[in-house]
């Protein structure tokens, strides 16, 4: 697969089939994951894969609680927009689409064939997230969908206990990825033009280039 195709089309794929993932595919994905940049080349990352149905169901219940908590606090404005906004407003429609996708994952997380947890040192996401993104790109090349989420950190100790994490160790849960063969189609996600997110030299100063539409394909 072309590198740019992988980058442009590896979007969050929350709806996946329950079909199991072959071991040889998992070996390739994780072998690619551990090649990510590592601070001091110290390899301070660990993964736990969860496929047990009962464990996945328990994690799904915790995930549902976390999303409900977030919707009642940080995402309360989005929930208000969905409840009272103009359904013909494109901005409201986009908020509804994102919410439906998030709600679906919270209700169906356990149906993914595998949940992948990543761990690192406290504040060590500069090591774990490049590895996690390598994993997502490798999964895309294998036809597998992924969605990085940190939502379970709202119940971090509870989840770590569930996964048998040793107490007082250096490892901390940094995120979780459900993975599986997607039910939907790959595509380039909609984003604001790149130049709106990049400044030149100092804050607020525009760059000299523009990219009003995706530059791939």
N, C-alpha and C. Protein backbone atom coordinates (compact mmCIF):
# COMPACT_ATOMS: atom_id res chain seq x y z
N UNK A 1 0.84 -1.19 0.00
CA UNK A 1 0.00 0.00 0.00
C UNK A 1 0.87 1.25 0.00
N UNK A 2 0.50 2.22 -0.81
CA UNK A 2 1.21 3.49 -0.85
C UNK A 2 1.16 4.16 0.53
N UNK A 3 2.28 4.77 0.93
CA UNK A 3 2.37 5.39 2.26
C UNK A 3 1.30 6.46 2.44
N UNK A 4 1.12 7.31 1.45
CA UNK A 4 0.15 8.39 1.58
C UNK A 4 -1.28 7.85 1.63
N UNK A 5 -1.54 6.77 0.92
CA UNK A 5 -2.87 6.17 1.02
C UNK A 5 -3.14 5.71 2.44
N UNK A 6 -2.15 5.08 3.07
CA UNK A 6 -2.31 4.63 4.45
C UNK A 6 -2.56 5.81 5.38
N UNK A 7 -1.79 6.87 5.21
CA UNK A 7 -1.93 8.04 6.08
C UNK A 7 -3.28 8.71 5.90
N UNK A 8 -3.70 8.88 4.65
CA UNK A 8 -4.93 9.62 4.38
C UNK A 8 -6.19 8.83 4.71
N UNK A 9 -6.11 7.51 4.71
CA UNK A 9 -7.33 6.72 4.90
C UNK A 9 -7.39 5.97 6.22
N UNK A 10 -6.38 6.10 7.06
CA UNK A 10 -6.42 5.45 8.37
C UNK A 10 -7.17 6.35 9.34
N UNK A 11 -8.48 6.35 9.18
CA UNK A 11 -9.34 7.12 10.08
C UNK A 11 -9.90 6.19 11.15
N UNK A 12 -10.56 6.77 12.13
CA UNK A 12 -11.16 5.95 13.19
C UNK A 12 -12.27 5.09 12.60
N UNK A 13 -12.12 3.78 12.72
CA UNK A 13 -13.12 2.82 12.26
C UNK A 13 -13.67 2.11 13.48
N UNK A 14 -14.77 2.62 14.02
CA UNK A 14 -15.30 2.09 15.28
C UNK A 14 -16.20 0.88 15.07
N UNK A 15 -16.80 0.79 13.91
CA UNK A 15 -17.71 -0.34 13.64
C UNK A 15 -16.92 -1.45 12.93
N UNK A 16 -16.69 -2.53 13.64
CA UNK A 16 -15.91 -3.64 13.08
C UNK A 16 -16.66 -4.96 13.27
N UNK A 17 -16.31 -5.94 12.45
CA UNK A 17 -16.92 -7.26 12.51
C UNK A 17 -16.30 -8.07 13.65
N UNK A 18 -16.99 -9.07 14.16
CA UNK A 18 -16.44 -9.90 15.24
C UNK A 18 -15.47 -10.97 14.75
N UNK A 19 -15.21 -11.03 13.45
CA UNK A 19 -14.34 -12.07 12.90
C UNK A 19 -12.95 -12.03 13.55
N UNK A 20 -12.41 -13.18 13.94
CA UNK A 20 -11.08 -13.21 14.58
C UNK A 20 -9.98 -12.79 13.61
N UNK A 21 -8.89 -12.32 14.17
CA UNK A 21 -7.73 -11.86 13.38
C UNK A 21 -6.67 -12.95 13.41
N UNK A 22 -6.20 -13.41 12.26
CA UNK A 22 -5.20 -14.49 12.24
C UNK A 22 -3.92 -14.09 12.96
N UNK A 23 -3.28 -15.07 13.59
CA UNK A 23 -2.04 -14.82 14.34
C UNK A 23 -0.94 -14.23 13.46
N UNK A 24 -0.83 -14.69 12.21
CA UNK A 24 0.23 -14.18 11.36
C UNK A 24 0.03 -12.70 11.03
N UNK A 25 -1.24 -12.27 10.98
CA UNK A 25 -1.53 -10.85 10.76
C UNK A 25 -1.16 -10.05 12.01
N UNK A 26 -1.53 -10.56 13.17
CA UNK A 26 -1.19 -9.88 14.42
C UNK A 26 0.32 -9.77 14.58
N UNK A 27 1.06 -10.80 14.21
CA UNK A 27 2.52 -10.75 14.32
C UNK A 27 3.08 -9.62 13.48
N UNK A 28 2.57 -9.45 12.26
CA UNK A 28 3.07 -8.37 11.40
C UNK A 28 2.72 -7.00 11.96
N UNK A 29 1.52 -6.87 12.49
CA UNK A 29 1.07 -5.58 13.02
C UNK A 29 1.91 -5.17 14.24
N UNK A 30 2.11 -6.10 15.16
CA UNK A 30 2.86 -5.74 16.37
C UNK A 30 4.35 -5.60 16.08
N UNK A 31 4.86 -6.34 15.12
CA UNK A 31 6.26 -6.17 14.74
C UNK A 31 6.48 -4.77 14.16
N UNK A 32 5.48 -4.27 13.43
CA UNK A 32 5.56 -2.89 12.92
C UNK A 32 5.39 -1.89 14.06
N UNK A 33 4.51 -2.20 15.01
CA UNK A 33 4.26 -1.28 16.12
C UNK A 33 5.51 -0.99 16.93
N UNK A 34 6.28 -2.04 17.26
CA UNK A 34 7.43 -1.85 18.13
C UNK A 34 8.59 -1.13 17.43
N UNK A 35 8.47 -0.87 16.11
CA UNK A 35 9.49 -0.12 15.38
C UNK A 35 9.32 1.38 15.54
N UNK A 36 8.28 1.81 16.24
CA UNK A 36 8.07 3.24 16.43
C UNK A 36 9.20 3.89 17.20
N UNK A 37 9.40 5.21 17.02
CA UNK A 37 10.45 5.92 17.76
C UNK A 37 10.28 5.73 19.27
N UNK A 38 11.38 5.51 19.96
CA UNK A 38 11.35 5.27 21.39
C UNK A 38 12.36 6.18 22.07
N UNK A 39 11.89 6.99 23.02
CA UNK A 39 12.78 7.90 23.73
C UNK A 39 13.95 7.17 24.36
N UNK A 40 15.18 7.56 23.98
CA UNK A 40 16.37 6.91 24.49
C UNK A 40 16.52 5.47 24.02
N UNK A 41 15.73 5.09 23.00
CA UNK A 41 15.71 3.71 22.51
C UNK A 41 15.52 2.72 23.66
N UNK A 42 14.68 3.13 24.62
CA UNK A 42 14.52 2.34 25.84
C UNK A 42 13.35 1.36 25.77
N UNK A 43 12.54 1.44 24.73
CA UNK A 43 11.43 0.51 24.51
C UNK A 43 10.47 0.49 25.70
N UNK A 44 10.15 1.65 26.22
CA UNK A 44 9.25 1.72 27.38
C UNK A 44 7.80 1.71 26.92
N UNK A 45 7.40 0.57 26.34
CA UNK A 45 6.01 0.35 25.95
C UNK A 45 5.69 -1.11 26.15
N UNK A 46 4.45 -1.37 26.49
CA UNK A 46 3.95 -2.74 26.60
C UNK A 46 2.51 -2.75 26.08
N UNK A 47 2.09 -3.90 25.56
CA UNK A 47 0.73 -4.06 25.07
C UNK A 47 0.06 -5.23 25.77
N UNK A 48 -1.24 -5.14 25.96
CA UNK A 48 -2.05 -6.28 26.38
C UNK A 48 -3.17 -6.42 25.37
N UNK A 49 -3.34 -7.63 24.82
CA UNK A 49 -4.44 -7.91 23.91
C UNK A 49 -5.52 -8.66 24.66
N UNK A 50 -6.75 -8.25 24.48
CA UNK A 50 -7.88 -8.86 25.19
C UNK A 50 -8.87 -9.41 24.16
N UNK A 51 -9.12 -10.72 24.23
CA UNK A 51 -10.08 -11.35 23.34
C UNK A 51 -11.16 -12.12 24.11
N UNK A 52 -10.97 -12.32 25.41
CA UNK A 52 -11.92 -13.07 26.22
C UNK A 52 -13.28 -12.36 26.24
N UNK A 53 -14.37 -13.04 25.85
CA UNK A 53 -15.68 -12.38 25.75
C UNK A 53 -16.15 -11.75 27.06
N UNK A 54 -15.95 -12.45 28.18
CA UNK A 54 -16.40 -11.91 29.47
C UNK A 54 -15.60 -10.67 29.84
N UNK A 55 -14.30 -10.71 29.62
CA UNK A 55 -13.46 -9.55 29.91
C UNK A 55 -13.85 -8.36 29.03
N UNK A 56 -14.08 -8.63 27.75
CA UNK A 56 -14.47 -7.55 26.84
C UNK A 56 -15.81 -6.94 27.26
N UNK A 57 -16.74 -7.77 27.70
CA UNK A 57 -18.04 -7.26 28.16
C UNK A 57 -17.87 -6.38 29.39
N UNK A 58 -17.01 -6.78 30.31
CA UNK A 58 -16.76 -5.97 31.51
C UNK A 58 -16.15 -4.62 31.12
N UNK A 59 -15.17 -4.64 30.22
CA UNK A 59 -14.53 -3.41 29.77
C UNK A 59 -15.54 -2.51 29.05
N UNK A 60 -16.42 -3.13 28.27
CA UNK A 60 -17.45 -2.34 27.58
C UNK A 60 -18.34 -1.61 28.58
N UNK A 61 -18.70 -2.26 29.66
CA UNK A 61 -19.51 -1.61 30.67
C UNK A 61 -18.81 -0.41 31.29
N UNK A 62 -17.52 -0.55 31.56
CA UNK A 62 -16.74 0.57 32.11
C UNK A 62 -16.64 1.68 31.08
N UNK A 63 -16.40 1.31 29.84
CA UNK A 63 -16.30 2.31 28.76
C UNK A 63 -17.60 3.10 28.64
N UNK A 64 -18.73 2.39 28.74
CA UNK A 64 -20.04 3.06 28.68
C UNK A 64 -20.17 4.08 29.80
N UNK A 65 -19.76 3.72 31.00
CA UNK A 65 -19.82 4.64 32.13
C UNK A 65 -18.95 5.87 31.87
N UNK A 66 -17.75 5.64 31.31
CA UNK A 66 -16.83 6.75 31.05
C UNK A 66 -17.42 7.72 30.03
N UNK A 67 -18.04 7.21 28.96
CA UNK A 67 -18.62 8.10 27.97
C UNK A 67 -19.79 8.88 28.55
N UNK A 68 -20.61 8.23 29.36
CA UNK A 68 -21.72 8.94 30.01
C UNK A 68 -21.20 10.07 30.89
N UNK A 69 -20.10 9.79 31.60
CA UNK A 69 -19.50 10.82 32.46
C UNK A 69 -19.00 11.99 31.63
N UNK A 70 -18.35 11.69 30.51
CA UNK A 70 -17.80 12.74 29.65
C UNK A 70 -18.92 13.56 29.01
N UNK A 71 -19.99 12.88 28.58
CA UNK A 71 -21.10 13.60 27.96
C UNK A 71 -21.81 14.52 28.95
N UNK A 72 -21.74 14.19 30.23
CA UNK A 72 -22.37 15.02 31.25
C UNK A 72 -21.49 16.19 31.68
N UNK A 73 -20.22 16.18 31.28
CA UNK A 73 -19.29 17.23 31.71
C UNK A 73 -18.64 17.91 30.49
N UNK A 74 -17.52 17.38 30.05
CA UNK A 74 -16.75 18.02 28.99
C UNK A 74 -17.51 18.13 27.67
N UNK A 75 -18.35 17.12 27.36
CA UNK A 75 -19.08 17.11 26.10
C UNK A 75 -20.53 17.57 26.25
N UNK A 76 -20.84 18.22 27.36
CA UNK A 76 -22.24 18.63 27.58
C UNK A 76 -22.71 19.62 26.53
N UNK A 77 -21.79 20.47 26.05
CA UNK A 77 -22.16 21.44 25.01
C UNK A 77 -22.56 20.74 23.72
N UNK A 78 -21.84 19.69 23.37
CA UNK A 78 -22.18 18.93 22.17
C UNK A 78 -23.53 18.24 22.33
N UNK A 79 -23.79 17.72 23.53
CA UNK A 79 -25.08 17.07 23.77
C UNK A 79 -26.22 18.07 23.69
N UNK A 80 -25.99 19.28 24.15
CA UNK A 80 -27.00 20.34 24.06
C UNK A 80 -27.25 20.71 22.60
N UNK A 81 -26.18 20.78 21.81
CA UNK A 81 -26.33 21.09 20.38
C UNK A 81 -27.17 20.03 19.69
N UNK A 82 -26.93 18.77 20.02
CA UNK A 82 -27.68 17.68 19.42
C UNK A 82 -29.15 17.75 19.80
N UNK A 83 -29.42 18.11 21.05
CA UNK A 83 -30.80 18.12 21.55
C UNK A 83 -31.60 19.31 21.04
N UNK A 84 -30.95 20.46 20.87
CA UNK A 84 -31.70 21.68 20.56
C UNK A 84 -31.32 22.34 19.25
N UNK A 85 -30.25 21.88 18.61
CA UNK A 85 -29.78 22.52 17.39
C UNK A 85 -30.67 22.27 16.19
N UNK A 86 -30.48 23.07 15.16
CA UNK A 86 -31.22 22.94 13.91
C UNK A 86 -30.73 21.68 13.17
N UNK A 87 -31.59 20.69 12.97
CA UNK A 87 -31.15 19.45 12.33
C UNK A 87 -30.70 19.63 10.88
N UNK A 88 -31.01 20.78 10.29
CA UNK A 88 -30.58 21.06 8.92
C UNK A 88 -29.23 21.79 8.87
N UNK A 89 -28.72 22.18 10.02
CA UNK A 89 -27.43 22.87 10.10
C UNK A 89 -26.31 21.84 9.90
N UNK A 90 -25.43 22.03 8.91
CA UNK A 90 -24.34 21.07 8.68
C UNK A 90 -23.47 20.82 9.91
N UNK A 91 -23.25 21.86 10.71
CA UNK A 91 -22.44 21.71 11.91
C UNK A 91 -23.13 20.79 12.92
N UNK A 92 -24.44 20.95 13.06
CA UNK A 92 -25.21 20.09 13.95
C UNK A 92 -25.23 18.66 13.42
N UNK A 93 -25.37 18.51 12.12
CA UNK A 93 -25.37 17.18 11.51
C UNK A 93 -24.05 16.46 11.75
N UNK A 94 -22.94 17.21 11.64
CA UNK A 94 -21.63 16.60 11.89
C UNK A 94 -21.50 16.17 13.34
N UNK A 95 -21.98 17.01 14.27
CA UNK A 95 -21.94 16.66 15.69
C UNK A 95 -22.76 15.40 15.96
N UNK A 96 -23.90 15.28 15.30
CA UNK A 96 -24.75 14.10 15.47
C UNK A 96 -24.04 12.85 14.95
N UNK A 97 -23.38 12.98 13.80
CA UNK A 97 -22.67 11.83 13.23
C UNK A 97 -21.56 11.34 14.17
N UNK A 98 -20.78 12.28 14.70
CA UNK A 98 -19.69 11.93 15.61
C UNK A 98 -20.25 11.27 16.87
N UNK A 99 -21.33 11.83 17.39
CA UNK A 99 -21.94 11.29 18.61
C UNK A 99 -22.48 9.88 18.38
N UNK A 100 -23.13 9.66 17.25
CA UNK A 100 -23.67 8.32 16.96
C UNK A 100 -22.55 7.29 16.89
N UNK A 101 -21.44 7.68 16.28
CA UNK A 101 -20.30 6.77 16.18
C UNK A 101 -19.75 6.45 17.56
N UNK A 102 -19.61 7.48 18.39
CA UNK A 102 -19.09 7.28 19.75
C UNK A 102 -20.04 6.44 20.59
N UNK A 103 -21.35 6.71 20.46
CA UNK A 103 -22.33 5.95 21.22
C UNK A 103 -22.35 4.48 20.77
N UNK A 104 -22.20 4.26 19.47
CA UNK A 104 -22.18 2.89 18.97
C UNK A 104 -21.01 2.11 19.58
N UNK A 105 -19.84 2.74 19.60
CA UNK A 105 -18.68 2.07 20.17
C UNK A 105 -18.90 1.76 21.64
N UNK A 106 -19.47 2.69 22.38
CA UNK A 106 -19.70 2.46 23.81
C UNK A 106 -20.67 1.31 24.04
N UNK A 107 -21.62 1.12 23.15
CA UNK A 107 -22.60 0.05 23.30
C UNK A 107 -22.12 -1.28 22.74
N UNK A 108 -21.14 -1.25 21.84
CA UNK A 108 -20.74 -2.46 21.13
C UNK A 108 -19.25 -2.78 21.21
N UNK A 109 -18.55 -2.15 22.12
CA UNK A 109 -17.10 -2.35 22.23
C UNK A 109 -16.74 -3.83 22.35
N UNK A 110 -17.54 -4.57 23.07
CA UNK A 110 -17.26 -5.98 23.33
C UNK A 110 -17.35 -6.86 22.09
N UNK A 111 -17.97 -6.36 21.02
CA UNK A 111 -18.11 -7.18 19.81
C UNK A 111 -16.86 -7.14 18.93
N UNK A 112 -15.95 -6.20 19.19
CA UNK A 112 -14.67 -6.20 18.46
C UNK A 112 -13.92 -7.48 18.81
N UNK A 113 -13.25 -8.09 17.84
CA UNK A 113 -12.56 -9.35 18.15
C UNK A 113 -11.40 -9.19 19.12
N UNK A 114 -10.83 -7.98 19.19
CA UNK A 114 -9.69 -7.76 20.08
C UNK A 114 -9.67 -6.30 20.55
N UNK A 115 -9.31 -6.14 21.81
CA UNK A 115 -9.02 -4.82 22.37
C UNK A 115 -7.55 -4.79 22.71
N UNK A 116 -6.87 -3.74 22.28
CA UNK A 116 -5.42 -3.62 22.51
C UNK A 116 -5.17 -2.46 23.47
N UNK A 117 -4.52 -2.74 24.58
CA UNK A 117 -4.16 -1.70 25.55
C UNK A 117 -2.66 -1.43 25.43
N UNK A 118 -2.30 -0.16 25.51
CA UNK A 118 -0.89 0.22 25.45
C UNK A 118 -0.51 0.87 26.78
N UNK A 119 0.70 0.54 27.25
CA UNK A 119 1.19 1.03 28.54
C UNK A 119 2.58 1.63 28.37
N UNK A 120 2.86 2.63 29.19
CA UNK A 120 4.18 3.25 29.20
C UNK A 120 4.40 3.94 30.54
N UNK A 121 5.51 4.63 30.63
CA UNK A 121 5.80 5.39 31.85
C UNK A 121 4.88 6.60 31.94
N UNK A 122 4.68 7.11 33.15
CA UNK A 122 3.88 8.30 33.34
C UNK A 122 4.47 9.44 32.51
N UNK A 123 3.64 10.05 31.66
CA UNK A 123 4.11 11.12 30.79
C UNK A 123 4.90 10.65 29.59
N UNK A 124 4.91 9.33 29.35
CA UNK A 124 5.73 8.78 28.27
C UNK A 124 4.99 8.53 26.97
N UNK A 125 3.93 9.30 26.73
CA UNK A 125 3.16 9.11 25.50
C UNK A 125 3.96 9.41 24.23
N UNK A 126 5.06 10.17 24.35
CA UNK A 126 5.88 10.43 23.16
C UNK A 126 6.55 9.15 22.66
N UNK A 127 6.59 8.14 23.48
CA UNK A 127 7.08 6.83 23.04
C UNK A 127 5.93 5.91 22.65
N UNK A 128 4.89 5.85 23.47
CA UNK A 128 3.82 4.88 23.21
C UNK A 128 2.96 5.23 22.00
N UNK A 129 2.69 6.53 21.79
CA UNK A 129 1.76 6.88 20.71
C UNK A 129 2.36 6.72 19.31
N UNK A 130 3.65 6.99 19.09
CA UNK A 130 4.21 6.63 17.78
C UNK A 130 4.10 5.14 17.51
N UNK A 131 4.32 4.31 18.52
CA UNK A 131 4.16 2.86 18.35
C UNK A 131 2.71 2.52 18.05
N UNK A 132 1.80 3.18 18.75
CA UNK A 132 0.38 2.91 18.53
C UNK A 132 -0.05 3.33 17.13
N UNK A 133 0.48 4.44 16.64
CA UNK A 133 0.13 4.89 15.29
C UNK A 133 0.75 3.96 14.24
N UNK A 134 1.95 3.46 14.50
CA UNK A 134 2.52 2.43 13.63
C UNK A 134 1.57 1.24 13.54
N UNK A 135 1.04 0.84 14.69
CA UNK A 135 0.12 -0.28 14.73
C UNK A 135 -1.11 0.00 13.87
N UNK A 136 -1.66 1.20 13.98
CA UNK A 136 -2.86 1.55 13.21
C UNK A 136 -2.58 1.57 11.71
N UNK A 137 -1.43 2.09 11.31
CA UNK A 137 -1.08 2.11 9.89
C UNK A 137 -0.86 0.70 9.37
N UNK A 138 -0.19 -0.14 10.16
CA UNK A 138 0.02 -1.52 9.75
C UNK A 138 -1.30 -2.26 9.65
N UNK A 139 -2.20 -2.00 10.60
CA UNK A 139 -3.52 -2.62 10.56
C UNK A 139 -4.27 -2.21 9.29
N UNK A 140 -4.16 -0.94 8.93
CA UNK A 140 -4.82 -0.46 7.70
C UNK A 140 -4.31 -1.23 6.49
N UNK A 141 -3.02 -1.49 6.43
CA UNK A 141 -2.46 -2.20 5.29
C UNK A 141 -2.94 -3.64 5.24
N UNK A 142 -3.42 -4.16 6.39
CA UNK A 142 -3.94 -5.52 6.45
C UNK A 142 -5.47 -5.55 6.32
N UNK A 143 -6.07 -4.37 6.05
CA UNK A 143 -7.52 -4.30 5.92
C UNK A 143 -8.27 -4.25 7.23
N UNK A 144 -7.57 -3.92 8.32
CA UNK A 144 -8.17 -3.87 9.64
C UNK A 144 -8.42 -2.43 10.08
N UNK A 145 -9.53 -2.21 10.74
CA UNK A 145 -9.87 -0.89 11.25
C UNK A 145 -9.50 -0.75 12.71
N UNK A 146 -9.14 0.47 13.11
CA UNK A 146 -8.75 0.76 14.48
C UNK A 146 -9.34 2.10 14.90
N UNK A 147 -9.34 2.36 16.20
CA UNK A 147 -9.77 3.65 16.74
C UNK A 147 -9.07 3.86 18.08
N UNK A 148 -8.15 4.80 18.13
CA UNK A 148 -7.43 5.07 19.38
C UNK A 148 -8.35 5.83 20.34
N UNK A 149 -8.45 5.36 21.57
CA UNK A 149 -9.24 6.05 22.58
C UNK A 149 -8.50 6.08 23.91
N UNK A 150 -8.61 7.19 24.60
CA UNK A 150 -8.04 7.32 25.95
C UNK A 150 -9.15 7.44 27.00
N UNK A 151 -10.38 7.19 26.60
CA UNK A 151 -11.54 7.41 27.47
C UNK A 151 -11.46 6.60 28.76
N UNK A 152 -10.92 5.39 28.69
CA UNK A 152 -10.88 4.54 29.88
C UNK A 152 -9.94 5.07 30.97
N UNK A 153 -9.15 6.09 30.65
CA UNK A 153 -8.29 6.68 31.68
C UNK A 153 -9.12 7.36 32.76
N UNK A 154 -10.40 7.63 32.47
CA UNK A 154 -11.29 8.17 33.51
C UNK A 154 -11.49 7.14 34.63
N UNK A 155 -11.29 5.86 34.32
CA UNK A 155 -11.39 4.79 35.32
C UNK A 155 -10.09 3.98 35.30
N UNK A 156 -8.97 4.70 35.26
CA UNK A 156 -7.67 4.10 35.04
C UNK A 156 -7.34 2.98 36.04
N UNK A 157 -7.45 3.24 37.32
CA UNK A 157 -7.08 2.24 38.32
C UNK A 157 -7.97 1.01 38.24
N UNK A 158 -9.24 1.23 37.99
CA UNK A 158 -10.19 0.12 37.88
C UNK A 158 -9.83 -0.79 36.71
N UNK A 159 -9.49 -0.18 35.57
CA UNK A 159 -9.14 -0.96 34.38
C UNK A 159 -7.80 -1.66 34.59
N UNK A 160 -6.83 -0.96 35.15
CA UNK A 160 -5.52 -1.57 35.38
C UNK A 160 -5.63 -2.76 36.33
N UNK A 161 -6.47 -2.66 37.36
CA UNK A 161 -6.69 -3.79 38.27
C UNK A 161 -7.31 -4.97 37.51
N UNK A 162 -8.26 -4.66 36.64
CA UNK A 162 -8.93 -5.69 35.86
C UNK A 162 -7.93 -6.44 34.97
N UNK A 163 -6.94 -5.71 34.46
CA UNK A 163 -5.95 -6.30 33.57
C UNK A 163 -4.76 -6.92 34.31
N UNK A 164 -4.81 -6.89 35.64
CA UNK A 164 -3.76 -7.53 36.42
C UNK A 164 -2.47 -6.75 36.50
N UNK A 165 -2.55 -5.43 36.37
CA UNK A 165 -1.34 -4.61 36.43
C UNK A 165 -0.73 -4.65 37.83
N UNK A 166 0.59 -4.81 37.93
CA UNK A 166 1.24 -4.82 39.25
C UNK A 166 1.18 -3.44 39.90
N UNK A 167 0.97 -3.43 41.18
CA UNK A 167 0.88 -2.17 41.92
C UNK A 167 2.27 -1.56 42.10
N UNK A 168 2.35 -0.24 42.00
CA UNK A 168 3.59 0.46 42.27
C UNK A 168 4.65 0.30 41.21
N UNK A 169 4.29 -0.21 40.03
CA UNK A 169 5.25 -0.38 38.95
C UNK A 169 5.30 0.90 38.11
N UNK A 170 6.21 0.95 37.13
CA UNK A 170 6.37 2.15 36.31
C UNK A 170 5.30 2.26 35.23
N UNK A 171 4.57 1.17 34.98
CA UNK A 171 3.67 1.13 33.83
C UNK A 171 2.34 1.80 34.13
N UNK A 172 1.87 2.57 33.14
CA UNK A 172 0.59 3.25 33.21
C UNK A 172 -0.17 3.03 31.91
N UNK A 173 -1.50 2.85 32.01
CA UNK A 173 -2.30 2.71 30.81
C UNK A 173 -2.36 4.06 30.08
N UNK A 174 -1.98 4.04 28.81
CA UNK A 174 -2.00 5.26 28.00
C UNK A 174 -3.17 5.32 27.03
N UNK A 175 -3.67 4.16 26.64
CA UNK A 175 -4.78 4.17 25.68
C UNK A 175 -5.22 2.77 25.34
N UNK A 176 -6.29 2.69 24.53
CA UNK A 176 -6.84 1.42 24.12
C UNK A 176 -7.31 1.53 22.67
N UNK A 177 -7.19 0.42 21.94
CA UNK A 177 -7.59 0.39 20.53
C UNK A 177 -8.43 -0.86 20.27
N UNK A 178 -9.71 -0.70 19.92
CA UNK A 178 -10.44 -1.84 19.39
C UNK A 178 -10.00 -2.07 17.95
N UNK A 179 -9.85 -3.32 17.53
CA UNK A 179 -9.36 -3.61 16.20
C UNK A 179 -10.18 -4.74 15.59
N UNK A 180 -10.46 -4.64 14.28
CA UNK A 180 -11.20 -5.68 13.59
C UNK A 180 -11.42 -5.29 12.14
N UNK A 181 -11.99 -6.20 11.40
CA UNK A 181 -12.28 -5.91 10.00
C UNK A 181 -13.51 -5.00 9.93
N UNK A 182 -13.40 -3.84 9.30
CA UNK A 182 -14.48 -2.84 9.37
C UNK A 182 -15.72 -3.23 8.57
N UNK A 183 -16.85 -2.72 9.01
CA UNK A 183 -18.11 -2.93 8.29
C UNK A 183 -18.31 -1.86 7.23
N UNK A 184 -17.63 -0.72 7.38
CA UNK A 184 -17.78 0.39 6.43
C UNK A 184 -16.65 0.47 5.43
N UNK A 185 -16.62 1.57 4.71
CA UNK A 185 -15.64 1.78 3.65
C UNK A 185 -14.54 2.71 4.12
N UNK A 186 -13.35 2.51 3.56
CA UNK A 186 -12.25 3.42 3.83
C UNK A 186 -12.49 4.72 3.09
N UNK A 187 -11.99 5.81 3.62
CA UNK A 187 -12.13 7.09 2.95
C UNK A 187 -11.27 8.15 3.62
N UNK A 188 -11.13 9.26 2.95
CA UNK A 188 -10.35 10.38 3.49
C UNK A 188 -11.26 11.18 4.42
N UNK A 189 -10.91 11.32 5.69
CA UNK A 189 -11.76 12.07 6.61
C UNK A 189 -11.78 13.55 6.29
N UNK A 190 -12.89 14.19 6.59
CA UNK A 190 -13.00 15.63 6.36
C UNK A 190 -12.24 16.40 7.43
N UNK A 191 -11.46 17.37 7.00
CA UNK A 191 -10.70 18.20 7.92
C UNK A 191 -10.70 19.65 7.41
N UNK A 192 -10.41 20.58 8.30
CA UNK A 192 -10.19 21.96 7.88
C UNK A 192 -8.92 22.01 7.04
N UNK A 193 -8.82 22.96 6.11
CA UNK A 193 -7.59 23.06 5.31
C UNK A 193 -6.35 23.13 6.20
N UNK A 194 -5.28 22.47 5.77
CA UNK A 194 -4.07 22.36 6.59
C UNK A 194 -3.51 23.70 7.01
N UNK A 195 -3.59 24.70 6.12
CA UNK A 195 -2.98 25.99 6.44
C UNK A 195 -3.68 26.71 7.60
N UNK A 196 -4.90 26.28 7.95
CA UNK A 196 -5.59 26.90 9.09
C UNK A 196 -5.05 26.41 10.42
N UNK A 197 -4.27 25.33 10.39
CA UNK A 197 -3.74 24.75 11.62
C UNK A 197 -2.23 24.95 11.76
N UNK A 198 -1.63 25.67 10.82
CA UNK A 198 -0.17 25.85 10.83
C UNK A 198 0.15 27.34 10.77
N UNK A 199 1.03 27.80 11.66
CA UNK A 199 1.49 29.19 11.65
C UNK A 199 2.95 29.25 11.24
N UNK A 200 3.37 30.40 10.80
CA UNK A 200 4.74 30.61 10.37
C UNK A 200 5.49 31.50 11.35
N UNK A 201 6.52 30.97 11.96
CA UNK A 201 7.44 31.71 12.85
C UNK A 201 6.83 32.08 14.19
N UNK A 202 5.68 32.76 14.20
CA UNK A 202 5.03 33.15 15.45
C UNK A 202 3.54 32.87 15.36
N UNK A 203 2.89 32.81 16.54
CA UNK A 203 1.48 32.46 16.61
C UNK A 203 0.62 33.40 15.76
N UNK A 204 -0.22 32.79 14.95
CA UNK A 204 -1.18 33.56 14.17
C UNK A 204 -0.68 34.01 12.82
N UNK A 205 0.61 33.88 12.55
CA UNK A 205 1.15 34.33 11.27
C UNK A 205 0.92 33.24 10.20
N UNK A 206 0.29 33.59 9.08
CA UNK A 206 -0.05 32.58 8.07
C UNK A 206 1.18 32.03 7.35
N UNK A 207 1.05 30.80 6.88
CA UNK A 207 2.10 30.20 6.06
C UNK A 207 1.94 30.66 4.61
N UNK A 208 2.95 30.39 3.80
CA UNK A 208 2.95 30.89 2.42
C UNK A 208 2.28 29.93 1.43
N UNK A 209 1.84 28.77 1.91
CA UNK A 209 1.24 27.77 1.03
C UNK A 209 -0.21 27.52 1.43
N UNK A 210 -0.94 26.88 0.56
CA UNK A 210 -2.31 26.49 0.88
C UNK A 210 -2.57 25.06 0.41
N UNK A 211 -3.50 24.43 1.09
CA UNK A 211 -3.94 23.08 0.71
C UNK A 211 -5.44 23.01 1.01
N UNK A 212 -6.21 23.63 0.14
CA UNK A 212 -7.65 23.77 0.40
C UNK A 212 -8.41 22.46 0.25
N UNK A 213 -7.86 21.52 -0.51
CA UNK A 213 -8.44 20.20 -0.69
C UNK A 213 -7.40 19.15 -0.37
N UNK A 214 -7.80 17.92 -0.03
CA UNK A 214 -6.81 16.86 0.22
C UNK A 214 -5.85 16.71 -0.97
N UNK A 215 -4.59 16.61 -0.69
CA UNK A 215 -3.58 16.50 -1.75
C UNK A 215 -3.28 15.06 -2.15
N UNK A 216 -4.04 14.13 -1.58
CA UNK A 216 -4.01 12.74 -2.03
C UNK A 216 -5.44 12.31 -2.27
N UNK A 217 -5.80 11.55 -3.29
CA UNK A 217 -4.86 10.97 -4.28
C UNK A 217 -4.50 12.00 -5.34
